[in-house]
Amino acid sequence: MTVFDILILLAIGAVAVTLGFGLKALFTPGAQARSRSNKLMRLRVALQATAIVLLVVGMWWKSTQGG
């Protein structure tokens, strides 16, 4: 298992955890919960972008290094 594999798995896990917290906040009543849900949604989008970049870089690395 390479460093990219570990980083990709960590990024996907972080997205899943953030999604879970975001869903919990979404179904919690109140203005503070809405604000928290919105912040978690932005964080999830950033983590998804990071995961996609890691996937692309990892695939490129494996194609050029023969791994």
Protein backbone atom coordinates (compact mmCIF):
# COMPACT_ATOMS: atom_id res chain seq x y z
CA MET A 1 0.00 0.00 0.00
CA THR A 2 1.46 3.35 -1.05
CA VAL A 3 1.28 6.73 0.62
CA PHE A 4 -1.33 7.82 -1.95
CA ASP A 5 -3.52 4.83 -1.10
CA ILE A 6 -3.46 5.73 2.59
CA LEU A 7 -4.12 9.44 1.92
CA ILE A 8 -7.02 8.60 -0.40
CA LEU A 9 -8.59 6.30 2.20
CA LEU A 10 -8.18 8.96 4.89
CA ALA A 11 -9.75 11.61 2.65
CA ILE A 12 -12.71 9.36 1.83
CA GLY A 13 -13.14 8.56 5.53
CA ALA A 14 -13.07 12.28 6.38
CA VAL A 15 -15.75 12.94 3.76
CA ALA A 16 -17.94 10.19 5.21
CA VAL A 17 -17.55 11.45 8.79
CA THR A 18 -18.28 15.03 7.74
CA LEU A 19 -21.34 13.86 5.82
CA GLY A 20 -22.60 12.06 8.93
CA PHE A 21 -22.15 15.12 11.13
CA GLY A 22 -23.78 17.28 8.46
CA LEU A 23 -26.82 15.02 8.26
CA LYS A 24 -27.15 15.06 12.04
CA ALA A 25 -26.98 18.87 12.06
CA LEU A 26 -29.46 19.05 9.19
CA PHE A 27 -32.15 17.30 11.21
CA THR A 28 -31.47 19.28 14.40
CA PRO A 29 -33.88 22.21 14.84
CA GLY A 30 -32.68 25.77 15.35
CA ALA A 31 -30.77 28.53 13.62
CA GLN A 32 -27.44 27.46 15.09
CA ALA A 33 -27.90 23.96 13.66
CA ARG A 34 -28.61 25.41 10.21
CA SER A 35 -25.43 27.45 10.36
CA ARG A 36 -23.44 24.40 11.48
CA SER A 37 -24.99 22.29 8.72
CA ASN A 38 -23.98 24.88 6.13
CA LYS A 39 -20.39 25.01 7.42
CA LEU A 40 -20.18 21.23 7.40
CA MET A 41 -21.49 21.14 3.83
CA ARG A 42 -18.73 23.53 2.74
CA LEU A 43 -16.14 21.44 4.57
CA ARG A 44 -17.46 18.28 2.90
CA VAL A 45 -17.17 19.85 -0.55
CA ALA A 46 -13.57 20.89 0.19
CA LEU A 47 -12.74 17.40 1.43
CA GLN A 48 -14.32 15.86 -1.66
CA ALA A 49 -12.21 18.11 -3.89
CA THR A 50 -9.11 17.06 -1.94
CA ALA A 51 -10.03 13.38 -2.35
CA ILE A 52 -10.50 13.83 -6.11
CA VAL A 53 -7.15 15.60 -6.46
CA LEU A 54 -5.48 12.80 -4.49
CA LEU A 55 -7.13 10.20 -6.73
CA VAL A 56 -5.95 11.94 -9.90
CA VAL A 57 -2.41 12.43 -8.59
CA GLY A 58 -2.31 8.84 -7.35
CA MET A 59 -3.43 7.46 -10.71
CA TRP A 60 -0.93 9.65 -12.52
CA TRP A 61 1.86 8.54 -10.16
CA LYS A 62 1.04 4.86 -10.63
CA SER A 63 0.89 5.23 -14.42
CA THR A 64 4.27 6.96 -14.63
CA GLN A 65 6.08 4.96 -11.94
CA GLY A 66 4.73 1.56 -12.96
CA GLY A 67 3.16 0.88 -9.57
